[in-house]
Amino acid sequence: MDGNMFMSRHNLDMTFTFCDTRILTLVGYEPDELIGKTAYHFHNPLDADKIKGCHSNLIHKGTSVSKYYRFLGKTGEWVWMQTRATIIFSAGNRPQYVVCMNYVIG
């Protein structure tokens, strides 16, 4: 499954701050094309409730696994994905950023 996974890092508002290069072969974007954009920009509106539930769990528990959702590919096609998100905390237990492991399903 790791061949179908890319990692991303986000501010607490889910704005991309880093994306690994595997996204190019899996979804079509150069990593720099996502930096500064919110992850919500790429989600299918029909999956909003799934994404909302995942984000709510993330805020309350510090970690969450999404249901399958559609992510907009570079050429306009929808790519099915599942994301495991974790909030990273500072030594003072303050939330710093979110790390996501994004698994492309199909």
N, C-alpha and C. Protein backbone atom coordinates (compact mmCIF):
# COMPACT_ATOMS: atom_id res chain seq x y z
N MET A 1 0.82 -1.19 0.00
CA MET A 1 0.00 0.00 0.00
C MET A 1 0.86 1.25 0.00
N ASP A 2 2.10 1.19 0.48
CA ASP A 2 2.93 2.39 0.56
C ASP A 2 3.20 3.00 -0.81
N GLY A 3 3.18 2.20 -1.88
CA GLY A 3 3.36 2.75 -3.21
C GLY A 3 2.20 3.63 -3.65
N ASN A 4 1.09 3.52 -2.94
CA ASN A 4 -0.09 4.32 -3.25
C ASN A 4 -0.34 5.39 -2.19
N MET A 5 0.69 5.78 -1.48
CA MET A 5 0.54 6.73 -0.38
C MET A 5 1.48 7.91 -0.57
N PHE A 6 0.99 9.11 -0.19
CA PHE A 6 1.86 10.27 -0.12
C PHE A 6 1.60 10.97 1.21
N MET A 7 2.63 11.61 1.72
CA MET A 7 2.53 12.31 3.00
C MET A 7 2.36 13.80 2.74
N SER A 8 1.60 14.45 3.63
CA SER A 8 1.47 15.90 3.56
C SER A 8 1.45 16.47 4.97
N ARG A 9 1.83 17.74 5.06
CA ARG A 9 1.79 18.44 6.33
C ARG A 9 0.96 19.71 6.12
N HIS A 10 0.22 20.08 7.17
CA HIS A 10 -0.73 21.18 7.07
C HIS A 10 -0.68 22.05 8.31
N ASN A 11 -1.00 23.33 8.13
CA ASN A 11 -1.29 24.18 9.28
C ASN A 11 -2.56 23.65 9.93
N LEU A 12 -2.91 24.18 11.07
CA LEU A 12 -4.10 23.71 11.77
C LEU A 12 -5.39 24.00 11.00
N ASP A 13 -5.35 24.93 10.05
CA ASP A 13 -6.52 25.19 9.19
C ASP A 13 -6.53 24.31 7.94
N MET A 14 -5.64 23.34 7.90
CA MET A 14 -5.51 22.35 6.82
C MET A 14 -4.94 22.94 5.53
N THR A 15 -4.21 24.05 5.62
CA THR A 15 -3.47 24.58 4.48
C THR A 15 -2.20 23.76 4.31
N PHE A 16 -1.94 23.32 3.09
CA PHE A 16 -0.73 22.54 2.80
C PHE A 16 0.52 23.38 3.09
N THR A 17 1.46 22.81 3.85
CA THR A 17 2.77 23.43 4.05
C THR A 17 3.88 22.56 3.47
N PHE A 18 3.56 21.29 3.21
CA PHE A 18 4.51 20.34 2.62
C PHE A 18 3.71 19.22 1.97
N CYS A 19 4.24 18.70 0.88
CA CYS A 19 3.66 17.51 0.25
C CYS A 19 4.80 16.75 -0.41
N ASP A 20 4.86 15.45 -0.20
CA ASP A 20 5.98 14.72 -0.79
C ASP A 20 5.77 14.48 -2.28
N THR A 21 6.84 14.14 -2.96
CA THR A 21 6.84 14.07 -4.42
C THR A 21 6.01 12.93 -4.99
N ARG A 22 5.64 11.97 -4.17
CA ARG A 22 4.83 10.85 -4.69
C ARG A 22 3.46 11.32 -5.18
N ILE A 23 3.01 12.51 -4.75
CA ILE A 23 1.72 13.01 -5.23
C ILE A 23 1.73 13.20 -6.74
N LEU A 24 2.89 13.47 -7.32
CA LEU A 24 2.98 13.68 -8.77
C LEU A 24 2.50 12.46 -9.54
N THR A 25 2.99 11.28 -9.19
CA THR A 25 2.60 10.07 -9.92
C THR A 25 1.21 9.58 -9.51
N LEU A 26 0.76 9.91 -8.31
CA LEU A 26 -0.52 9.41 -7.82
C LEU A 26 -1.71 10.31 -8.17
N VAL A 27 -1.50 11.63 -8.16
CA VAL A 27 -2.61 12.57 -8.36
C VAL A 27 -2.32 13.59 -9.46
N GLY A 28 -1.05 13.73 -9.83
CA GLY A 28 -0.70 14.59 -10.95
C GLY A 28 -0.14 15.95 -10.61
N TYR A 29 -0.17 16.35 -9.35
CA TYR A 29 0.31 17.67 -8.96
C TYR A 29 1.80 17.64 -8.60
N GLU A 30 2.49 18.72 -8.93
CA GLU A 30 3.80 18.98 -8.34
C GLU A 30 3.54 19.41 -6.91
N PRO A 31 4.36 19.01 -5.95
CA PRO A 31 4.11 19.41 -4.56
C PRO A 31 3.91 20.91 -4.37
N ASP A 32 4.67 21.73 -5.06
CA ASP A 32 4.57 23.19 -4.90
C ASP A 32 3.20 23.74 -5.32
N GLU A 33 2.46 22.98 -6.15
CA GLU A 33 1.15 23.45 -6.60
C GLU A 33 0.11 23.41 -5.47
N LEU A 34 0.38 22.66 -4.41
CA LEU A 34 -0.57 22.56 -3.31
C LEU A 34 -0.21 23.47 -2.14
N ILE A 35 1.06 23.84 -2.02
CA ILE A 35 1.51 24.65 -0.88
C ILE A 35 0.73 25.97 -0.84
N GLY A 36 0.19 26.28 0.33
CA GLY A 36 -0.57 27.50 0.52
C GLY A 36 -2.06 27.36 0.25
N LYS A 37 -2.48 26.22 -0.30
CA LYS A 37 -3.90 25.98 -0.56
C LYS A 37 -4.45 25.07 0.53
N THR A 38 -5.71 25.26 0.85
CA THR A 38 -6.34 24.40 1.84
C THR A 38 -6.69 23.04 1.23
N ALA A 39 -6.62 22.01 2.02
CA ALA A 39 -6.97 20.67 1.54
C ALA A 39 -8.43 20.63 1.08
N TYR A 40 -9.27 21.46 1.70
CA TYR A 40 -10.69 21.48 1.36
C TYR A 40 -10.94 21.93 -0.08
N HIS A 41 -10.01 22.65 -0.65
CA HIS A 41 -10.10 23.09 -2.05
C HIS A 41 -10.18 21.89 -3.00
N PHE A 42 -9.62 20.76 -2.60
CA PHE A 42 -9.49 19.60 -3.48
C PHE A 42 -10.54 18.51 -3.21
N HIS A 43 -11.40 18.69 -2.21
CA HIS A 43 -12.38 17.66 -1.86
C HIS A 43 -13.66 17.83 -2.65
N ASN A 44 -14.27 16.72 -3.02
CA ASN A 44 -15.54 16.75 -3.72
C ASN A 44 -16.62 17.25 -2.76
N PRO A 45 -17.43 18.23 -3.18
CA PRO A 45 -18.47 18.76 -2.29
C PRO A 45 -19.45 17.70 -1.79
N LEU A 46 -19.65 16.64 -2.56
CA LEU A 46 -20.55 15.57 -2.14
C LEU A 46 -20.00 14.77 -0.96
N ASP A 47 -18.71 14.92 -0.69
CA ASP A 47 -18.07 14.21 0.42
C ASP A 47 -17.87 15.11 1.65
N ALA A 48 -18.51 16.27 1.66
CA ALA A 48 -18.30 17.25 2.73
C ALA A 48 -18.61 16.67 4.12
N ASP A 49 -19.66 15.88 4.24
CA ASP A 49 -19.99 15.31 5.55
C ASP A 49 -18.92 14.33 6.03
N LYS A 50 -18.35 13.56 5.10
CA LYS A 50 -17.27 12.63 5.46
C LYS A 50 -16.05 13.40 5.97
N ILE A 51 -15.71 14.46 5.27
CA ILE A 51 -14.53 15.27 5.63
C ILE A 51 -14.78 15.99 6.95
N LYS A 52 -15.98 16.51 7.13
CA LYS A 52 -16.34 17.19 8.37
C LYS A 52 -16.20 16.24 9.56
N GLY A 53 -16.67 15.02 9.42
CA GLY A 53 -16.56 14.03 10.49
C GLY A 53 -15.11 13.70 10.83
N CYS A 54 -14.29 13.57 9.81
CA CYS A 54 -12.87 13.28 10.02
C CYS A 54 -12.20 14.44 10.76
N HIS A 55 -12.49 15.67 10.33
CA HIS A 55 -11.87 16.84 10.96
C HIS A 55 -12.33 16.98 12.41
N SER A 56 -13.59 16.71 12.65
CA SER A 56 -14.12 16.78 14.02
C SER A 56 -13.40 15.78 14.93
N ASN A 57 -13.22 14.56 14.46
CA ASN A 57 -12.47 13.55 15.23
C ASN A 57 -11.04 14.00 15.46
N LEU A 58 -10.43 14.58 14.45
CA LEU A 58 -9.06 15.05 14.56
C LEU A 58 -8.94 16.09 15.67
N ILE A 59 -9.85 17.03 15.70
CA ILE A 59 -9.81 18.09 16.71
C ILE A 59 -10.03 17.53 18.12
N HIS A 60 -10.97 16.60 18.25
CA HIS A 60 -11.31 16.07 19.57
C HIS A 60 -10.35 15.01 20.09
N LYS A 61 -9.78 14.21 19.19
CA LYS A 61 -8.95 13.08 19.61
C LYS A 61 -7.47 13.23 19.28
N GLY A 62 -7.15 14.18 18.40
CA GLY A 62 -5.76 14.38 17.99
C GLY A 62 -5.33 13.50 16.84
N THR A 63 -6.19 12.58 16.45
CA THR A 63 -5.92 11.70 15.32
C THR A 63 -7.25 11.26 14.71
N SER A 64 -7.23 10.93 13.44
CA SER A 64 -8.46 10.53 12.77
C SER A 64 -8.14 9.79 11.48
N VAL A 65 -9.05 8.92 11.08
CA VAL A 65 -8.98 8.23 9.78
C VAL A 65 -10.25 8.56 9.03
N SER A 66 -10.10 9.05 7.82
CA SER A 66 -11.28 9.43 7.04
C SER A 66 -11.96 8.20 6.44
N LYS A 67 -13.20 8.40 6.05
CA LYS A 67 -13.85 7.45 5.17
C LYS A 67 -13.29 7.73 3.78
N TYR A 68 -13.59 6.88 2.82
CA TYR A 68 -13.14 7.12 1.45
C TYR A 68 -13.79 8.39 0.92
N TYR A 69 -13.00 9.22 0.25
CA TYR A 69 -13.50 10.47 -0.32
C TYR A 69 -12.80 10.73 -1.64
N ARG A 70 -13.34 11.67 -2.40
CA ARG A 70 -12.79 12.03 -3.70
C ARG A 70 -11.94 13.29 -3.59
N PHE A 71 -10.76 13.22 -4.20
CA PHE A 71 -9.78 14.31 -4.22
C PHE A 71 -9.58 14.69 -5.68
N LEU A 72 -9.63 15.98 -5.97
CA LEU A 72 -9.52 16.46 -7.35
C LEU A 72 -8.10 16.27 -7.88
N GLY A 73 -7.98 15.47 -8.93
CA GLY A 73 -6.69 15.27 -9.58
C GLY A 73 -6.35 16.43 -10.49
N LYS A 74 -5.11 16.52 -10.87
CA LYS A 74 -4.62 17.63 -11.70
C LYS A 74 -5.36 17.76 -13.02
N THR A 75 -5.74 16.63 -13.62
CA THR A 75 -6.40 16.68 -14.93
C THR A 75 -7.92 16.78 -14.82
N GLY A 76 -8.43 16.96 -13.59
CA GLY A 76 -9.86 17.15 -13.40
C GLY A 76 -10.62 15.90 -13.00
N GLU A 77 -9.95 14.77 -12.94
CA GLU A 77 -10.62 13.54 -12.53
C GLU A 77 -10.65 13.45 -11.00
N TRP A 78 -11.59 12.68 -10.47
CA TRP A 78 -11.66 12.46 -9.03
C TRP A 78 -10.89 11.21 -8.67
N VAL A 79 -10.03 11.32 -7.70
CA VAL A 79 -9.22 10.20 -7.22
C VAL A 79 -9.74 9.81 -5.84
N TRP A 80 -10.08 8.54 -5.67
CA TRP A 80 -10.55 8.08 -4.36
C TRP A 80 -9.39 7.94 -3.41
N MET A 81 -9.57 8.46 -2.19
CA MET A 81 -8.50 8.44 -1.19
C MET A 81 -9.07 8.14 0.19
N GLN A 82 -8.14 7.81 1.09
CA GLN A 82 -8.42 7.72 2.52
C GLN A 82 -7.23 8.36 3.22
N THR A 83 -7.49 9.12 4.27
CA THR A 83 -6.43 9.86 4.95
C THR A 83 -6.39 9.51 6.43
N ARG A 84 -5.15 9.33 6.93
CA ARG A 84 -4.90 9.20 8.37
C ARG A 84 -4.22 10.48 8.81
N ALA A 85 -4.88 11.25 9.66
CA ALA A 85 -4.37 12.55 10.08
C ALA A 85 -4.03 12.53 11.57
N THR A 86 -2.94 13.21 11.91
CA THR A 86 -2.48 13.29 13.30
C THR A 86 -2.02 14.70 13.60
N ILE A 87 -2.48 15.25 14.72
CA ILE A 87 -1.99 16.55 15.16
C ILE A 87 -0.67 16.33 15.89
N ILE A 88 0.33 17.13 15.55
CA ILE A 88 1.64 17.09 16.21
C ILE A 88 1.66 18.23 17.23
N PHE A 89 2.00 17.88 18.46
CA PHE A 89 2.01 18.84 19.57
C PHE A 89 3.43 19.24 19.94
N SER A 90 3.58 20.44 20.48
CA SER A 90 4.87 20.91 20.98
C SER A 90 5.15 20.26 22.33
N ALA A 91 6.35 20.49 22.84
CA ALA A 91 6.72 19.98 24.17
C ALA A 91 5.78 20.54 25.24
N GLY A 92 5.23 21.72 25.00
CA GLY A 92 4.30 22.33 25.93
C GLY A 92 2.85 21.90 25.70
N ASN A 93 2.66 20.85 24.90
CA ASN A 93 1.35 20.28 24.60
C ASN A 93 0.43 21.24 23.85
N ARG A 94 1.02 22.09 23.01
CA ARG A 94 0.24 22.99 22.15
C ARG A 94 0.24 22.41 20.73
N PRO A 95 -0.94 22.39 20.07
CA PRO A 95 -0.98 21.87 18.70
C PRO A 95 -0.12 22.72 17.77
N GLN A 96 0.70 22.06 16.95
CA GLN A 96 1.60 22.77 16.05
C GLN A 96 1.19 22.65 14.58
N TYR A 97 0.95 21.42 14.12
CA TYR A 97 0.58 21.18 12.73
C TYR A 97 -0.03 19.79 12.61
N VAL A 98 -0.50 19.47 11.41
CA VAL A 98 -1.14 18.19 11.14
C VAL A 98 -0.31 17.45 10.10
N VAL A 99 -0.07 16.17 10.36
CA VAL A 99 0.60 15.29 9.39
C VAL A 99 -0.45 14.32 8.86
N CYS A 100 -0.50 14.18 7.54
CA CYS A 100 -1.46 13.26 6.90
C CYS A 100 -0.74 12.23 6.06
N MET A 101 -1.19 11.00 6.20
CA MET A 101 -0.78 9.91 5.32
C MET A 101 -2.00 9.69 4.41
N ASN A 102 -1.83 9.96 3.12
CA ASN A 102 -2.92 9.94 2.17
C ASN A 102 -2.79 8.71 1.28
N TYR A 103 -3.75 7.82 1.34
CA TYR A 103 -3.72 6.57 0.59
C TYR A 103 -4.65 6.68 -0.61
N VAL A 104 -4.09 6.55 -1.80
CA VAL A 104 -4.89 6.59 -3.03
C VAL A 104 -5.48 5.19 -3.25
N ILE A 105 -6.80 5.12 -3.32
CA ILE A 105 -7.49 3.85 -3.45
C ILE A 105 -7.78 3.52 -4.91
N GLY A 106 -8.13 4.52 -5.67
CA GLY A 106 -8.43 4.26 -7.07
C GLY A 106 -8.77 5.51 -7.80
